[in-house]
Amino acid sequence: MRFFVSVFLMAFLSFASCLFFPWWSIAVVCFVVSFLIPHQYGKAFLIGFVALFLLWFGLSFWLSFKNNHILAQRMSMLILNMNSPFLLVLLTAFIGAIVGGLSSLSGSLLRGKPKD
């Protein structure tokens, strides 16, 4: 149950923080949530990874879908040298997930060894 609560809190607070602060505020949110809600180290990384992967995948797919994938097609041609907007959305989600997972792991490591 704490797993789902942590994933929801990280995703929701990361979304809310990005409305007012720079994109890297997601790392601060994941760090704080992971520090306040104790988990094992591997589970803490997984929680941050899943929360931010789902958030960034959903947001980037929605933004790409709203403009018929025009910008994503052009950016995928520049970055990936192939016309694959879905792969670019996955890459975007993966980058956000790595940031969330590592910052969540850092918060868990700072807290110390959990009791469960």
C-alpha atoms as a PDB file:
ATOM      1  CA  MET A   1       0.000   0.000   0.000  1.00  0.00           C
ATOM      2  CA  ARG A   2       2.868   2.392   0.781  1.00  0.00           C
ATOM      3  CA  PHE A   3       4.246   1.620  -2.681  1.00  0.00           C
ATOM      4  CA  PHE A   4       1.149   2.982  -4.426  1.00  0.00           C
ATOM      5  CA  VAL A   5       0.850   5.935  -2.050  1.00  0.00           C
ATOM      6  CA  SER A   6       4.482   6.873  -2.719  1.00  0.00           C
ATOM      7  CA  VAL A   7       4.072   6.508  -6.492  1.00  0.00           C
ATOM      8  CA  PHE A   8       0.939   8.662  -6.443  1.00  0.00           C
ATOM      9  CA  LEU A   9       2.519  11.315  -4.213  1.00  0.00           C
ATOM     10  CA  MET A  10       5.654  11.517  -6.336  1.00  0.00           C
ATOM     11  CA  ALA A  11       3.733  11.766  -9.588  1.00  0.00           C
ATOM     12  CA  PHE A  12       1.169  14.256  -8.319  1.00  0.00           C
ATOM     13  CA  LEU A  13       3.615  16.509  -6.479  1.00  0.00           C
ATOM     14  CA  SER A  14       6.069  16.385  -9.384  1.00  0.00           C
ATOM     15  CA  PHE A  15       3.334  17.496 -11.756  1.00  0.00           C
ATOM     16  CA  ALA A  16       2.285  20.285  -9.395  1.00  0.00           C
ATOM     17  CA  SER A  17       5.858  21.456  -8.791  1.00  0.00           C
ATOM     18  CA  CYS A  18       6.586  21.655 -12.516  1.00  0.00           C
ATOM     19  CA  LEU A  19       3.726  24.112 -12.897  1.00  0.00           C
ATOM     20  CA  PHE A  20       5.592  26.662 -10.771  1.00  0.00           C
ATOM     21  CA  PHE A  21       9.261  25.595 -10.715  1.00  0.00           C
ATOM     22  CA  PRO A  22      11.832  24.321 -13.269  1.00  0.00           C
ATOM     23  CA  TRP A  23      11.738  20.762 -14.562  1.00  0.00           C
ATOM     24  CA  TRP A  24      14.384  19.552 -12.123  1.00  0.00           C
ATOM     25  CA  SER A  25      12.029  20.187  -9.197  1.00  0.00           C
ATOM     26  CA  ILE A  26      10.877  16.607  -9.788  1.00  0.00           C
ATOM     27  CA  ALA A  27      14.162  15.467  -8.245  1.00  0.00           C
ATOM     28  CA  VAL A  28      13.511  17.487  -5.108  1.00  0.00           C
ATOM     29  CA  VAL A  29       9.984  16.090  -4.815  1.00  0.00           C
ATOM     30  CA  CYS A  30      11.134  12.475  -5.224  1.00  0.00           C
ATOM     31  CA  PHE A  31      13.950  13.026  -2.739  1.00  0.00           C
ATOM     32  CA  VAL A  32      11.619  14.468  -0.083  1.00  0.00           C
ATOM     33  CA  VAL A  33       8.880  11.854  -0.530  1.00  0.00           C
ATOM     34  CA  SER A  34      11.395   9.038  -0.371  1.00  0.00           C
ATOM     35  CA  PHE A  35      12.984  10.569   2.718  1.00  0.00           C
ATOM     36  CA  LEU A  36       9.623  10.898   4.494  1.00  0.00           C
ATOM     37  CA  ILE A  37       8.172   7.493   3.537  1.00  0.00           C
ATOM     38  CA  PRO A  38      10.771   4.774   4.240  1.00  0.00           C
ATOM     39  CA  HIS A  39      11.310   1.913   1.770  1.00  0.00           C
ATOM     40  CA  GLN A  40      14.083  -0.516   0.984  1.00  0.00           C
ATOM     41  CA  TYR A  41      16.701   1.000  -1.306  1.00  0.00           C
ATOM     42  CA  GLY A  42      15.784  -0.968  -4.412  1.00  0.00           C
ATOM     43  CA  LYS A  43      12.100  -0.356  -3.881  1.00  0.00           C
ATOM     44  CA  ALA A  44      12.735   3.369  -3.389  1.00  0.00           C
ATOM     45  CA  PHE A  45      14.509   3.533  -6.759  1.00  0.00           C
ATOM     46  CA  LEU A  46      11.677   1.575  -8.387  1.00  0.00           C
ATOM     47  CA  ILE A  47       9.028   3.864  -6.899  1.00  0.00           C
ATOM     48  CA  GLY A  48      10.727   6.999  -8.210  1.00  0.00           C
ATOM     49  CA  PHE A  49      11.372   5.358 -11.565  1.00  0.00           C
ATOM     50  CA  VAL A  50       7.770   4.180 -12.034  1.00  0.00           C
ATOM     51  CA  ALA A  51       6.202   7.424 -10.814  1.00  0.00           C
ATOM     52  CA  LEU A  52       8.198   9.650 -13.130  1.00  0.00           C
ATOM     53  CA  PHE A  53       8.062   7.245 -16.059  1.00  0.00           C
ATOM     54  CA  LEU A  54       4.271   7.211 -15.935  1.00  0.00           C
ATOM     55  CA  LEU A  55       4.060  10.970 -15.446  1.00  0.00           C
ATOM     56  CA  TRP A  56       6.468  11.948 -18.204  1.00  0.00           C
ATOM     57  CA  PHE A  57       5.183   9.304 -20.602  1.00  0.00           C
ATOM     58  CA  GLY A  58       1.623  10.484 -20.101  1.00  0.00           C
ATOM     59  CA  LEU A  59       2.454  14.162 -20.420  1.00  0.00           C
ATOM     60  CA  SER A  60       4.743  13.849 -23.426  1.00  0.00           C
ATOM     61  CA  PHE A  61       2.341  11.521 -25.235  1.00  0.00           C
ATOM     62  CA  TRP A  62      -0.578  13.859 -24.539  1.00  0.00           C
ATOM     63  CA  LEU A  63       1.319  16.911 -25.793  1.00  0.00           C
ATOM     64  CA  SER A  64       2.495  15.022 -28.861  1.00  0.00           C
ATOM     65  CA  PHE A  65      -0.999  13.711 -29.537  1.00  0.00           C
ATOM     66  CA  LYS A  66      -2.522  17.190 -29.331  1.00  0.00           C
ATOM     67  CA  ASN A  67      -0.437  18.421 -32.267  1.00  0.00           C
ATOM     68  CA  ASN A  68      -0.683  15.208 -34.329  1.00  0.00           C
ATOM     69  CA  HIS A  69       2.922  14.247 -33.459  1.00  0.00           C
ATOM     70  CA  ILE A  70       4.326  16.927 -35.777  1.00  0.00           C
ATOM     71  CA  LEU A  71       6.981  18.226 -33.394  1.00  0.00           C
ATOM     72  CA  ALA A  72       7.839  14.738 -32.124  1.00  0.00           C
ATOM     73  CA  GLN A  73       8.374  13.518 -35.701  1.00  0.00           C
ATOM     74  CA  ARG A  74      10.737  16.372 -36.471  1.00  0.00           C
ATOM     75  CA  MET A  75      12.635  16.032 -33.208  1.00  0.00           C
ATOM     76  CA  SER A  76      12.968  12.271 -33.649  1.00  0.00           C
ATOM     77  CA  MET A  77      14.456  12.887 -37.081  1.00  0.00           C
ATOM     78  CA  LEU A  78      17.000  15.264 -35.511  1.00  0.00           C
ATOM     79  CA  ILE A  79      17.841  13.247 -32.409  1.00  0.00           C
ATOM     80  CA  LEU A  80      17.290   9.609 -33.409  1.00  0.00           C
ATOM     81  CA  ASN A  81      17.723   9.859 -37.214  1.00  0.00           C
ATOM     82  CA  MET A  82      14.422   8.017 -37.699  1.00  0.00           C
ATOM     83  CA  ASN A  83      10.792   9.012 -37.921  1.00  0.00           C
ATOM     84  CA  SER A  84       9.545   7.527 -34.664  1.00  0.00           C
ATOM     85  CA  PRO A  85       7.663   9.922 -32.391  1.00  0.00           C
ATOM     86  CA  PHE A  86       6.662   7.095 -30.039  1.00  0.00           C
ATOM     87  CA  LEU A  87      10.315   6.157 -29.488  1.00  0.00           C
ATOM     88  CA  LEU A  88      11.057   9.793 -28.663  1.00  0.00           C
ATOM     89  CA  VAL A  89       8.209   9.793 -26.124  1.00  0.00           C
ATOM     90  CA  LEU A  90       9.661   6.626 -24.560  1.00  0.00           C
ATOM     91  CA  LEU A  91      13.125   8.192 -24.446  1.00  0.00           C
ATOM     92  CA  THR A  92      11.699  11.279 -22.763  1.00  0.00           C
ATOM     93  CA  ALA A  93       9.892   9.148 -20.186  1.00  0.00           C
ATOM     94  CA  PHE A  94      13.037   7.110 -19.546  1.00  0.00           C
ATOM     95  CA  ILE A  95      15.126  10.230 -18.885  1.00  0.00           C
ATOM     96  CA  GLY A  96      12.565  11.523 -16.400  1.00  0.00           C
ATOM     97  CA  ALA A  97      12.359   8.091 -14.782  1.00  0.00           C
ATOM     98  CA  ILE A  98      16.121   7.914 -14.274  1.00  0.00           C
ATOM     99  CA  VAL A  99      16.094  11.341 -12.598  1.00  0.00           C
ATOM    100  CA  GLY A 100      13.187  10.319 -10.369  1.00  0.00           C
ATOM    101  CA  GLY A 101      14.670   6.946  -9.482  1.00  0.00           C
ATOM    102  CA  LEU A 102      18.095   8.276  -8.574  1.00  0.00           C
ATOM    103  CA  SER A 103      16.737  11.146  -6.497  1.00  0.00           C
ATOM    104  CA  SER A 104      14.354   8.791  -4.727  1.00  0.00           C
ATOM    105  CA  LEU A 105      17.229   6.430  -3.996  1.00  0.00           C
ATOM    106  CA  SER A 106      19.254   9.354  -2.644  1.00  0.00           C
ATOM    107  CA  GLY A 107      16.457  10.316  -0.260  1.00  0.00           C
ATOM    108  CA  SER A 108      16.175   6.735   0.931  1.00  0.00           C
ATOM    109  CA  LEU A 109      19.934   6.448   1.436  1.00  0.00           C
ATOM    110  CA  LEU A 110      20.044   9.687   3.424  1.00  0.00           C
ATOM    111  CA  ARG A 111      17.301   8.448   5.716  1.00  0.00           C
ATOM    112  CA  GLY A 112      19.234   5.265   6.510  1.00  0.00           C
ATOM    113  CA  LYS A 113      18.303   1.627   6.658  1.00  0.00           C
ATOM    114  CA  PRO A 114      14.500   1.166   6.884  1.00  0.00           C
ATOM    115  CA  LYS A 115      12.943  -1.105   9.476  1.00  0.00           C
ATOM    116  CA  ASP A 116      10.843  -3.258   7.048  1.00  0.00           C
END
